[in-house]
């Protein structure tokens, strides 16, 4: 049975004389954890740059790394349901920190489930994805830096209990990280303040927390939260928006093919720009999170200003 830590809790690691071995799932969470750990240690990253959490398959080397973890910090089953069983079998004594289950932040429901589109194109490149049920909570919450700040504090609490000798360092590092996130939040808000009411189409419903934080609202989405390929009827509706001039920008990301976006924008003056909510092209580490959010900000401002 996985021990799930959703609050300050007692861990079996308290007797260890060394820094606990920490595993994180995706790069943004790795970045926040790295900032909390600082010079005390480096968290391991399960998904390498370029890998997508929806359809990742553990390699033997990944399984070996996971088995050595004392603490596993992950977004949760809403993002990576395939991770639950490996945690049970490969790291049964590890403490699981499922961030979606923590308190102190506003959880948003998915706006558009893929099941709402009854005319999917079954021949999309994503057919082999493990399209999972995200449940009642949109899991992409790391895209709001105020939520990231809450998660940072929680990570520091867990590490402090696991490694009490260094509790003051974790707390200090977390305070510095939260302050930096506040500065980042203000910078992003300032940059996005000039966008106004410019309309855009998202590739899929994976950016809601970023939009919610900064007062943005997509006119439409090519796909729902699982990014399954849209069918002809939905594509036609999206083309009506672009051809009529109602939409200024159509975003693309790693979930939706460029050819799909080309069909949506064909015959219109709408621009297209890339979004990356995971930082797939960024170097993992303490700077990754701020680079990720600033990259999203630049993509919005460049396409909508």
C-alpha atoms as a PDB file:
ATOM      1  CA  UNK A   1       0.000   0.000   0.000  1.00  0.00           C
ATOM      2  CA  UNK A   2       1.448   3.384  -0.968  1.00  0.00           C
ATOM      3  CA  UNK A   3       1.804   5.782   1.924  1.00  0.00           C
ATOM      4  CA  UNK A   4       0.300   9.001   0.638  1.00  0.00           C
ATOM      5  CA  UNK A   5       1.386  12.236   2.296  1.00  0.00           C
ATOM      6  CA  UNK A   6      -1.101  15.072   1.827  1.00  0.00           C
ATOM      7  CA  UNK A   7      -0.121  17.120   4.869  1.00  0.00           C
ATOM      8  CA  UNK A   8       2.733  17.424   7.307  1.00  0.00           C
ATOM      9  CA  UNK A   9       3.096  13.791   8.278  1.00  0.00           C
ATOM     10  CA  UNK A  10       5.378  11.389  10.038  1.00  0.00           C
ATOM     11  CA  UNK A  11       7.647   9.524   7.647  1.00  0.00           C
ATOM     12  CA  UNK A  12       9.813   6.460   8.259  1.00  0.00           C
ATOM     13  CA  UNK A  13      12.755   8.472   6.932  1.00  0.00           C
ATOM     14  CA  UNK A  14      13.194  10.524  10.077  1.00  0.00           C
ATOM     15  CA  UNK A  15      15.860   8.180  11.347  1.00  0.00           C
ATOM     16  CA  UNK A  16      17.979   8.440   8.212  1.00  0.00           C
ATOM     17  CA  UNK A  17      21.273  10.243   8.581  1.00  0.00           C
ATOM     18  CA  UNK A  18      21.378  11.329   4.956  1.00  0.00           C
ATOM     19  CA  UNK A  19      19.216  13.377   2.636  1.00  0.00           C
ATOM     20  CA  UNK A  20      16.296  11.265   1.367  1.00  0.00           C
ATOM     21  CA  UNK A  21      16.238  10.057  -2.212  1.00  0.00           C
ATOM     22  CA  UNK A  22      13.502  12.084  -3.905  1.00  0.00           C
ATOM     23  CA  UNK A  23      11.838  11.221  -7.211  1.00  0.00           C
ATOM     24  CA  UNK A  24       9.575  13.654  -9.097  1.00  0.00           C
ATOM     25  CA  UNK A  25       7.343  12.949 -12.066  1.00  0.00           C
ATOM     26  CA  UNK A  26       7.511  15.933 -14.457  1.00  0.00           C
ATOM     27  CA  UNK A  27      10.053  18.701 -14.978  1.00  0.00           C
ATOM     28  CA  UNK A  28       8.038  21.590 -13.434  1.00  0.00           C
ATOM     29  CA  UNK A  29       7.625  19.641 -10.177  1.00  0.00           C
ATOM     30  CA  UNK A  30      11.284  18.636 -10.341  1.00  0.00           C
ATOM     31  CA  UNK A  31      12.188  22.319 -10.644  1.00  0.00           C
ATOM     32  CA  UNK A  32      10.186  23.338  -7.573  1.00  0.00           C
ATOM     33  CA  UNK A  33      11.602  20.436  -5.572  1.00  0.00           C
ATOM     34  CA  UNK A  34      15.152  21.242  -6.657  1.00  0.00           C
ATOM     35  CA  UNK A  35      14.720  24.775  -5.361  1.00  0.00           C
ATOM     36  CA  UNK A  36      13.546  23.500  -1.984  1.00  0.00           C
ATOM     37  CA  UNK A  37      16.374  20.978  -1.689  1.00  0.00           C
ATOM     38  CA  UNK A  38      19.029  23.449  -2.815  1.00  0.00           C
ATOM     39  CA  UNK A  39      22.547  22.255  -2.081  1.00  0.00           C
ATOM     40  CA  UNK A  40      21.316  19.451   0.162  1.00  0.00           C
ATOM     41  CA  UNK A  41      20.607  17.171  -2.762  1.00  0.00           C
ATOM     42  CA  UNK A  42      19.226  16.808  -6.264  1.00  0.00           C
ATOM     43  CA  UNK A  43      15.836  15.215  -6.905  1.00  0.00           C
ATOM     44  CA  UNK A  44      15.572  12.580  -9.600  1.00  0.00           C
ATOM     45  CA  UNK A  45      13.267  13.165 -12.593  1.00  0.00           C
ATOM     46  CA  UNK A  46      11.207  10.243 -13.834  1.00  0.00           C
ATOM     47  CA  UNK A  47      10.093  11.669 -17.195  1.00  0.00           C
ATOM     48  CA  UNK A  48      13.016  12.900 -19.302  1.00  0.00           C
ATOM     49  CA  UNK A  49      12.758  16.090 -21.392  1.00  0.00           C
ATOM     50  CA  UNK A  50      10.493  15.478 -24.386  1.00  0.00           C
ATOM     51  CA  UNK A  51       8.502  12.681 -22.745  1.00  0.00           C
ATOM     52  CA  UNK A  52       4.798  13.208 -22.289  1.00  0.00           C
ATOM     53  CA  UNK A  53       3.020  12.179 -19.076  1.00  0.00           C
ATOM     54  CA  UNK A  54      -0.067  10.924 -20.918  1.00  0.00           C
ATOM     55  CA  UNK A  55       1.642   8.035 -22.685  1.00  0.00           C
ATOM     56  CA  UNK A  56       4.970   7.450 -20.966  1.00  0.00           C
ATOM     57  CA  UNK A  57       6.147   3.863 -20.539  1.00  0.00           C
ATOM     58  CA  UNK A  58       8.605   2.957 -17.822  1.00  0.00           C
ATOM     59  CA  UNK A  59      11.879   1.490 -19.032  1.00  0.00           C
ATOM     60  CA  UNK A  60      13.816  -0.975 -16.858  1.00  0.00           C
ATOM     61  CA  UNK A  61      16.213   1.824 -15.918  1.00  0.00           C
ATOM     62  CA  UNK A  62      13.265   4.008 -14.862  1.00  0.00           C
ATOM     63  CA  UNK A  63      11.849   1.191 -12.760  1.00  0.00           C
ATOM     64  CA  UNK A  64      15.222   0.765 -11.084  1.00  0.00           C
ATOM     65  CA  UNK A  65      15.424   4.473 -10.242  1.00  0.00           C
ATOM     66  CA  UNK A  66      11.874   4.483  -8.914  1.00  0.00           C
ATOM     67  CA  UNK A  67      12.609   1.514  -6.669  1.00  0.00           C
ATOM     68  CA  UNK A  68      15.366   3.486  -4.923  1.00  0.00           C
ATOM     69  CA  UNK A  69      13.180   6.466  -4.026  1.00  0.00           C
ATOM     70  CA  UNK A  70      12.348   7.300  -0.421  1.00  0.00           C
ATOM     71  CA  UNK A  71       9.843   9.991  -1.436  1.00  0.00           C
ATOM     72  CA  UNK A  72       7.960  10.279  -4.732  1.00  0.00           C
ATOM     73  CA  UNK A  73       6.499  13.716  -5.450  1.00  0.00           C
ATOM     74  CA  UNK A  74       4.040  13.664  -8.316  1.00  0.00           C
ATOM     75  CA  UNK A  75       1.090  15.668  -9.600  1.00  0.00           C
ATOM     76  CA  UNK A  76      -1.218  12.714  -9.177  1.00  0.00           C
ATOM     77  CA  UNK A  77      -3.297  10.072 -10.886  1.00  0.00           C
ATOM     78  CA  UNK A  78      -5.222  12.750 -12.765  1.00  0.00           C
ATOM     79  CA  UNK A  79      -2.100  13.325 -14.862  1.00  0.00           C
ATOM     80  CA  UNK A  80      -0.248  10.004 -14.704  1.00  0.00           C
ATOM     81  CA  UNK A  81      -2.623   7.190 -13.701  1.00  0.00           C
ATOM     82  CA  UNK A  82      -0.107   4.653 -15.005  1.00  0.00           C
ATOM     83  CA  UNK A  83       2.266   5.570 -12.154  1.00  0.00           C
ATOM     84  CA  UNK A  84       0.057   4.221  -9.375  1.00  0.00           C
ATOM     85  CA  UNK A  85       0.758   0.527  -9.920  1.00  0.00           C
ATOM     86  CA  UNK A  86       4.548   0.908 -10.330  1.00  0.00           C
ATOM     87  CA  UNK A  87       4.591   2.849  -7.071  1.00  0.00           C
ATOM     88  CA  UNK A  88       2.788  -0.027  -5.372  1.00  0.00           C
ATOM     89  CA  UNK A  89       5.063  -2.721  -6.760  1.00  0.00           C
ATOM     90  CA  UNK A  90       8.443  -1.032  -7.215  1.00  0.00           C
ATOM     91  CA  UNK A  91       8.494   1.420  -4.311  1.00  0.00           C
ATOM     92  CA  UNK A  92       6.113   0.003  -1.704  1.00  0.00           C
ATOM     93  CA  UNK A  93       8.021   1.628   1.153  1.00  0.00           C
ATOM     94  CA  UNK A  94       8.316   5.039  -0.476  1.00  0.00           C
ATOM     95  CA  UNK A  95       6.141   7.912   0.669  1.00  0.00           C
ATOM     96  CA  UNK A  96       3.879   9.135  -2.121  1.00  0.00           C
ATOM     97  CA  UNK A  97       3.228  12.887  -2.203  1.00  0.00           C
ATOM     98  CA  UNK A  98       0.288  13.412  -4.564  1.00  0.00           C
ATOM     99  CA  UNK A  99       0.079  17.172  -5.030  1.00  0.00           C
ATOM    100  CA  UNK A 100      -3.451  17.171  -6.453  1.00  0.00           C
ATOM    101  CA  UNK A 101      -4.628  15.816  -3.099  1.00  0.00           C
ATOM    102  CA  UNK A 102      -3.152  18.685  -1.081  1.00  0.00           C
ATOM    103  CA  UNK A 103      -5.218  21.545   0.315  1.00  0.00           C
ATOM    104  CA  UNK A 104      -4.900  25.315   0.216  1.00  0.00           C
ATOM    105  CA  UNK A 105      -5.464  26.020  -3.477  1.00  0.00           C
ATOM    106  CA  UNK A 106      -8.396  26.329  -5.863  1.00  0.00           C
ATOM    107  CA  UNK A 107      -9.046  23.199  -7.897  1.00  0.00           C
ATOM    108  CA  UNK A 108     -10.614  23.725 -11.325  1.00  0.00           C
ATOM    109  CA  UNK A 109     -12.780  21.227 -13.171  1.00  0.00           C
ATOM    110  CA  UNK A 110     -11.997  20.344 -16.793  1.00  0.00           C
ATOM    111  CA  UNK A 111     -13.868  22.701 -19.104  1.00  0.00           C
ATOM    112  CA  UNK A 112     -14.266  20.302 -21.996  1.00  0.00           C
ATOM    113  CA  UNK A 113     -14.042  16.540 -21.800  1.00  0.00           C
ATOM    114  CA  UNK A 114     -12.963  14.745 -24.949  1.00  0.00           C
ATOM    115  CA  UNK A 115     -16.003  12.524 -24.668  1.00  0.00           C
ATOM    116  CA  UNK A 116     -18.082  15.584 -25.541  1.00  0.00           C
ATOM    117  CA  UNK A 117     -16.802  15.301 -29.115  1.00  0.00           C
ATOM    118  CA  UNK A 118     -18.732  12.426 -30.656  1.00  0.00           C
ATOM    119  CA  UNK A 119     -16.971  12.716 -34.002  1.00  0.00           C
ATOM    120  CA  UNK A 120     -13.343  11.980 -33.125  1.00  0.00           C
ATOM    121  CA  UNK A 121     -10.923  11.234 -35.910  1.00  0.00           C
ATOM    122  CA  UNK A 122      -9.780   7.750 -34.924  1.00  0.00           C
ATOM    123  CA  UNK A 123      -6.698   7.985 -37.121  1.00  0.00           C
ATOM    124  CA  UNK A 124      -4.853  10.666 -35.187  1.00  0.00           C
ATOM    125  CA  UNK A 125      -1.267  10.253 -34.080  1.00  0.00           C
ATOM    126  CA  UNK A 126      -2.445  10.085 -30.474  1.00  0.00           C
ATOM    127  CA  UNK A 127      -4.510   6.918 -30.856  1.00  0.00           C
ATOM    128  CA  UNK A 128      -1.943   4.963 -28.879  1.00  0.00           C
ATOM    129  CA  UNK A 129      -2.155   7.307 -25.904  1.00  0.00           C
ATOM    130  CA  UNK A 130      -3.541   6.019 -22.663  1.00  0.00           C
ATOM    131  CA  UNK A 131      -6.353   8.554 -22.633  1.00  0.00           C
ATOM    132  CA  UNK A 132      -7.225   8.652 -19.012  1.00  0.00           C
ATOM    133  CA  UNK A 133     -10.065  10.006 -16.976  1.00  0.00           C
ATOM    134  CA  UNK A 134      -8.887  13.171 -15.252  1.00  0.00           C
ATOM    135  CA  UNK A 135     -11.844  13.022 -12.890  1.00  0.00           C
ATOM    136  CA  UNK A 136     -13.271  16.167 -11.374  1.00  0.00           C
ATOM    137  CA  UNK A 137     -10.010  18.146 -11.242  1.00  0.00           C
ATOM    138  CA  UNK A 138      -7.977  19.549 -14.109  1.00  0.00           C
ATOM    139  CA  UNK A 139      -4.474  18.285 -13.213  1.00  0.00           C
ATOM    140  CA  UNK A 140      -2.451  21.029 -14.955  1.00  0.00           C
ATOM    141  CA  UNK A 141      -2.370  23.153 -11.807  1.00  0.00           C
ATOM    142  CA  UNK A 142       1.379  23.858 -11.861  1.00  0.00           C
ATOM    143  CA  UNK A 143       0.716  26.525 -14.521  1.00  0.00           C
ATOM    144  CA  UNK A 144      -0.523  28.901 -11.811  1.00  0.00           C
ATOM    145  CA  UNK A 145       2.495  30.181  -9.843  1.00  0.00           C
ATOM    146  CA  UNK A 146       0.367  30.856  -6.764  1.00  0.00           C
ATOM    147  CA  UNK A 147      -0.532  27.165  -6.690  1.00  0.00           C
ATOM    148  CA  UNK A 148       3.109  26.305  -7.310  1.00  0.00           C
ATOM    149  CA  UNK A 149       3.915  28.359  -4.219  1.00  0.00           C
ATOM    150  CA  UNK A 150       1.482  26.306  -2.124  1.00  0.00           C
ATOM    151  CA  UNK A 151       2.965  23.100  -3.468  1.00  0.00           C
ATOM    152  CA  UNK A 152       6.467  24.374  -2.711  1.00  0.00           C
ATOM    153  CA  UNK A 153       5.573  24.912   0.931  1.00  0.00           C
ATOM    154  CA  UNK A 154       4.051  21.444   1.119  1.00  0.00           C
ATOM    155  CA  UNK A 155       7.153  19.872  -0.420  1.00  0.00           C
ATOM    156  CA  UNK A 156       9.295  21.673   2.149  1.00  0.00           C
ATOM    157  CA  UNK A 157       7.128  20.349   4.988  1.00  0.00           C
ATOM    158  CA  UNK A 158       7.431  16.771   3.770  1.00  0.00           C
ATOM    159  CA  UNK A 159      11.195  17.029   3.351  1.00  0.00           C
ATOM    160  CA  UNK A 160      11.575  18.672   6.749  1.00  0.00           C
ATOM    161  CA  UNK A 161       9.839  15.792   8.500  1.00  0.00           C
ATOM    162  CA  UNK A 162      11.846  13.244   6.522  1.00  0.00           C
ATOM    163  CA  UNK A 163      15.108  15.060   7.197  1.00  0.00           C
ATOM    164  CA  UNK A 164      14.634  17.082  10.401  1.00  0.00           C
ATOM    165  CA  UNK A 165      18.313  17.960  10.712  1.00  0.00           C
ATOM    166  CA  UNK A 166      17.927  20.120   7.599  1.00  0.00           C
ATOM    167  CA  UNK A 167      14.405  21.381   8.261  1.00  0.00           C
ATOM    168  CA  UNK A 168      15.493  24.993   8.627  1.00  0.00           C
ATOM    169  CA  UNK A 169      17.273  24.867   5.271  1.00  0.00           C
ATOM    170  CA  UNK A 170      14.230  23.427   3.501  1.00  0.00           C
ATOM    171  CA  UNK A 171      12.038  26.094   5.077  1.00  0.00           C
ATOM    172  CA  UNK A 172      14.409  28.897   4.119  1.00  0.00           C
ATOM    173  CA  UNK A 173      14.742  27.621   0.559  1.00  0.00           C
ATOM    174  CA  UNK A 174      10.969  27.348   0.273  1.00  0.00           C
ATOM    175  CA  UNK A 175      10.505  30.909   1.502  1.00  0.00           C
ATOM    176  CA  UNK A 176      12.963  32.160  -1.110  1.00  0.00           C
ATOM    177  CA  UNK A 177      11.217  30.133  -3.812  1.00  0.00           C
ATOM    178  CA  UNK A 178       7.801  31.477  -2.836  1.00  0.00           C
ATOM    179  CA  UNK A 179       9.153  35.031  -2.951  1.00  0.00           C
ATOM    180  CA  UNK A 180      10.598  34.398  -6.413  1.00  0.00           C
ATOM    181  CA  UNK A 181       7.269  32.944  -7.549  1.00  0.00           C
ATOM    182  CA  UNK A 182       5.492  36.073  -6.339  1.00  0.00           C
ATOM    183  CA  UNK A 183       7.859  38.218  -8.382  1.00  0.00           C
ATOM    184  CA  UNK A 184       7.349  35.933 -11.381  1.00  0.00           C
ATOM    185  CA  UNK A 185       3.577  36.175 -10.975  1.00  0.00           C
ATOM    186  CA  UNK A 186       3.702  39.982 -11.012  1.00  0.00           C
ATOM    187  CA  UNK A 187       5.972  40.007 -14.066  1.00  0.00           C
ATOM    188  CA  UNK A 188       3.651  37.723 -16.008  1.00  0.00           C
ATOM    189  CA  UNK A 189       0.576  39.746 -15.041  1.00  0.00           C
ATOM    190  CA  UNK A 190       2.251  42.928 -16.255  1.00  0.00           C
ATOM    191  CA  UNK A 191       3.245  41.400 -19.588  1.00  0.00           C
ATOM    192  CA  UNK A 192      -0.220  39.979 -20.220  1.00  0.00           C
ATOM    193  CA  UNK A 193      -2.069  43.149 -19.246  1.00  0.00           C
ATOM    194  CA  UNK A 194      -1.859  44.540 -22.789  1.00  0.00           C
ATOM    195  CA  UNK A 195      -3.536  41.602 -24.497  1.00  0.00           C
ATOM    196  CA  UNK A 196      -7.024  42.888 -23.842  1.00  0.00           C
ATOM    197  CA  UNK A 197      -9.851  40.897 -25.396  1.00  0.00           C
ATOM    198  CA  UNK A 198      -7.896  39.311 -28.262  1.00  0.00           C
ATOM    199  CA  UNK A 199      -9.505  35.960 -29.097  1.00  0.00           C
ATOM    200  CA  UNK A 200      -7.598  32.710 -29.506  1.00  0.00           C
ATOM    201  CA  UNK A 201      -8.039  28.961 -29.876  1.00  0.00           C
ATOM    202  CA  UNK A 202      -6.154  26.530 -27.659  1.00  0.00           C
ATOM    203  CA  UNK A 203      -4.793  23.215 -28.942  1.00  0.00           C
ATOM    204  CA  UNK A 204      -6.317  21.383 -25.975  1.00  0.00           C
ATOM    205  CA  UNK A 205      -7.684  22.124 -22.532  1.00  0.00           C
ATOM    206  CA  UNK A 206      -4.351  22.050 -20.750  1.00  0.00           C
ATOM    207  CA  UNK A 207      -3.795  25.721 -19.905  1.00  0.00           C
ATOM    208  CA  UNK A 208      -6.816  26.606 -17.809  1.00  0.00           C
ATOM    209  CA  UNK A 209      -4.906  27.431 -14.625  1.00  0.00           C
ATOM    210  CA  UNK A 210      -2.653  29.877 -16.470  1.00  0.00           C
ATOM    211  CA  UNK A 211      -5.673  31.505 -18.114  1.00  0.00           C
ATOM    212  CA  UNK A 212      -7.649  31.609 -14.879  1.00  0.00           C
ATOM    213  CA  UNK A 213      -4.809  33.278 -13.016  1.00  0.00           C
ATOM    214  CA  UNK A 214      -4.284  36.021 -15.613  1.00  0.00           C
ATOM    215  CA  UNK A 215      -7.827  36.691 -16.790  1.00  0.00           C
ATOM    216  CA  UNK A 216      -7.556  34.984 -20.174  1.00  0.00           C
ATOM    217  CA  UNK A 217     -10.312  32.977 -21.838  1.00  0.00           C
ATOM    218  CA  UNK A 218     -10.021  30.829 -24.944  1.00  0.00           C
ATOM    219  CA  UNK A 219     -12.690  31.304 -27.593  1.00  0.00           C
ATOM    220  CA  UNK A 220     -12.515  27.588 -28.344  1.00  0.00           C
ATOM    221  CA  UNK A 221     -10.305  24.528 -28.051  1.00  0.00           C
ATOM    222  CA  UNK A 222      -9.297  22.092 -30.744  1.00  0.00           C
ATOM    223  CA  UNK A 223      -9.494  19.210 -28.279  1.00  0.00           C
ATOM    224  CA  UNK A 224     -10.475  18.539 -24.705  1.00  0.00           C
ATOM    225  CA  UNK A 225      -8.243  17.762 -21.784  1.00  0.00           C
ATOM    226  CA  UNK A 226      -7.004  14.444 -23.190  1.00  0.00           C
ATOM    227  CA  UNK A 227      -6.173  16.006 -26.574  1.00  0.00           C
ATOM    228  CA  UNK A 228      -7.909  13.405 -28.709  1.00  0.00           C
ATOM    229  CA  UNK A 229      -8.136  14.366 -32.349  1.00  0.00           C
ATOM    230  CA  UNK A 230     -11.245  16.404 -33.228  1.00  0.00           C
ATOM    231  CA  UNK A 231     -13.641  15.221 -35.884  1.00  0.00           C
ATOM    232  CA  UNK A 232     -14.666  17.017 -39.097  1.00  0.00           C
ATOM    233  CA  UNK A 233     -17.668  18.784 -37.566  1.00  0.00           C
ATOM    234  CA  UNK A 234     -15.625  20.388 -34.807  1.00  0.00           C
ATOM    235  CA  UNK A 235     -12.866  21.335 -37.256  1.00  0.00           C
ATOM    236  CA  UNK A 236     -15.493  23.050 -39.410  1.00  0.00           C
ATOM    237  CA  UNK A 237     -16.735  25.048 -36.416  1.00  0.00           C
ATOM    238  CA  UNK A 238     -13.203  26.167 -35.622  1.00  0.00           C
ATOM    239  CA  UNK A 239     -12.583  27.171 -39.241  1.00  0.00           C
ATOM    240  CA  UNK A 240     -15.698  29.311 -39.166  1.00  0.00           C
ATOM    241  CA  UNK A 241     -14.178  31.203 -36.238  1.00  0.00           C
ATOM    242  CA  UNK A 242     -10.854  31.816 -37.957  1.00  0.00           C
ATOM    243  CA  UNK A 243     -12.200  32.616 -41.426  1.00  0.00           C
ATOM    244  CA  UNK A 244     -14.722  35.074 -39.991  1.00  0.00           C
ATOM    245  CA  UNK A 245     -11.902  36.950 -38.271  1.00  0.00           C
ATOM    246  CA  UNK A 246     -13.325  36.249 -34.818  1.00  0.00           C
ATOM    247  CA  UNK A 247     -10.073  34.627 -33.712  1.00  0.00           C
ATOM    248  CA  UNK A 248      -6.652  36.229 -33.887  1.00  0.00           C
ATOM    249  CA  UNK A 249      -4.437  33.286 -32.930  1.00  0.00           C
ATOM    250  CA  UNK A 250      -4.542  29.486 -33.005  1.00  0.00           C
ATOM    251  CA  UNK A 251      -2.050  27.862 -30.657  1.00  0.00           C
ATOM    252  CA  UNK A 252      -0.293  24.579 -31.259  1.00  0.00           C
ATOM    253  CA  UNK A 253       1.483  22.277 -28.825  1.00  0.00           C
ATOM    254  CA  UNK A 254       2.896  18.766 -28.665  1.00  0.00           C
ATOM    255  CA  UNK A 255      -0.589  17.289 -28.241  1.00  0.00           C
ATOM    256  CA  UNK A 256      -2.143  18.527 -31.495  1.00  0.00           C
ATOM    257  CA  UNK A 257      -0.510  18.044 -34.890  1.00  0.00           C
ATOM    258  CA  UNK A 258       0.585  20.987 -37.005  1.00  0.00           C
ATOM    259  CA  UNK A 259      -1.520  19.668 -39.872  1.00  0.00           C
ATOM    260  CA  UNK A 260      -4.651  19.974 -37.733  1.00  0.00           C
ATOM    261  CA  UNK A 261      -3.863  23.598 -36.931  1.00  0.00           C
ATOM    262  CA  UNK A 262      -3.152  24.280 -40.611  1.00  0.00           C
ATOM    263  CA  UNK A 263      -6.624  23.044 -41.512  1.00  0.00           C
ATOM    264  CA  UNK A 264      -8.161  25.264 -38.821  1.00  0.00           C
ATOM    265  CA  UNK A 265      -6.337  28.401 -40.013  1.00  0.00           C
ATOM    266  CA  UNK A 266      -6.597  27.754 -43.770  1.00  0.00           C
ATOM    267  CA  UNK A 267      -8.130  30.701 -45.611  1.00  0.00           C
ATOM    268  CA  UNK A 268      -7.877  33.026 -42.615  1.00  0.00           C
ATOM    269  CA  UNK A 269      -5.535  35.708 -41.314  1.00  0.00           C
ATOM    270  CA  UNK A 270      -5.218  34.028 -37.925  1.00  0.00           C
ATOM    271  CA  UNK A 271      -1.681  33.557 -36.693  1.00  0.00           C
ATOM    272  CA  UNK A 272      -0.362  30.416 -35.028  1.00  0.00           C
ATOM    273  CA  UNK A 273       2.119  30.040 -32.207  1.00  0.00           C
ATOM    274  CA  UNK A 274       3.478  27.211 -30.087  1.00  0.00           C
ATOM    275  CA  UNK A 275       2.685  26.528 -26.436  1.00  0.00           C
ATOM    276  CA  UNK A 276       4.585  24.238 -24.094  1.00  0.00           C
ATOM    277  CA  UNK A 277       3.016  23.589 -20.729  1.00  0.00           C
ATOM    278  CA  UNK A 278       5.668  21.109 -19.618  1.00  0.00           C
ATOM    279  CA  UNK A 279       8.886  22.761 -20.723  1.00  0.00           C
ATOM    280  CA  UNK A 280       9.785  19.843 -22.958  1.00  0.00           C
ATOM    281  CA  UNK A 281      12.657  21.686 -24.624  1.00  0.00           C
ATOM    282  CA  UNK A 282      14.012  23.211 -21.421  1.00  0.00           C
ATOM    283  CA  UNK A 283      16.899  21.931 -19.338  1.00  0.00           C
ATOM    284  CA  UNK A 284      15.599  20.383 -16.103  1.00  0.00           C
ATOM    285  CA  UNK A 285      16.629  22.122 -12.915  1.00  0.00           C
ATOM    286  CA  UNK A 286      15.810  24.929 -10.540  1.00  0.00           C
ATOM    287  CA  UNK A 287      15.404  27.505 -13.330  1.00  0.00           C
ATOM    288  CA  UNK A 288      13.052  25.378 -15.428  1.00  0.00           C
ATOM    289  CA  UNK A 289       9.808  26.477 -13.788  1.00  0.00           C
ATOM    290  CA  UNK A 290      10.286  30.212 -14.287  1.00  0.00           C
ATOM    291  CA  UNK A 291      11.546  29.635 -17.840  1.00  0.00           C
ATOM    292  CA  UNK A 292       8.455  27.537 -18.553  1.00  0.00           C
ATOM    293  CA  UNK A 293       5.982  30.197 -17.422  1.00  0.00           C
ATOM    294  CA  UNK A 294       7.843  33.047 -19.079  1.00  0.00           C
ATOM    295  CA  UNK A 295       7.867  31.033 -22.305  1.00  0.00           C
ATOM    296  CA  UNK A 296       4.094  30.628 -22.100  1.00  0.00           C
ATOM    297  CA  UNK A 297       3.746  34.336 -21.432  1.00  0.00           C
ATOM    298  CA  UNK A 298       5.856  35.254 -24.453  1.00  0.00           C
ATOM    299  CA  UNK A 299       3.837  32.907 -26.664  1.00  0.00           C
ATOM    300  CA  UNK A 300       0.582  34.594 -25.659  1.00  0.00           C
ATOM    301  CA  UNK A 301       1.880  38.139 -25.993  1.00  0.00           C
ATOM    302  CA  UNK A 302       3.639  37.514 -29.317  1.00  0.00           C
ATOM    303  CA  UNK A 303       0.556  35.995 -30.930  1.00  0.00           C
ATOM    304  CA  UNK A 304      -2.122  38.222 -29.411  1.00  0.00           C
ATOM    305  CA  UNK A 305      -0.584  41.695 -29.266  1.00  0.00           C
END
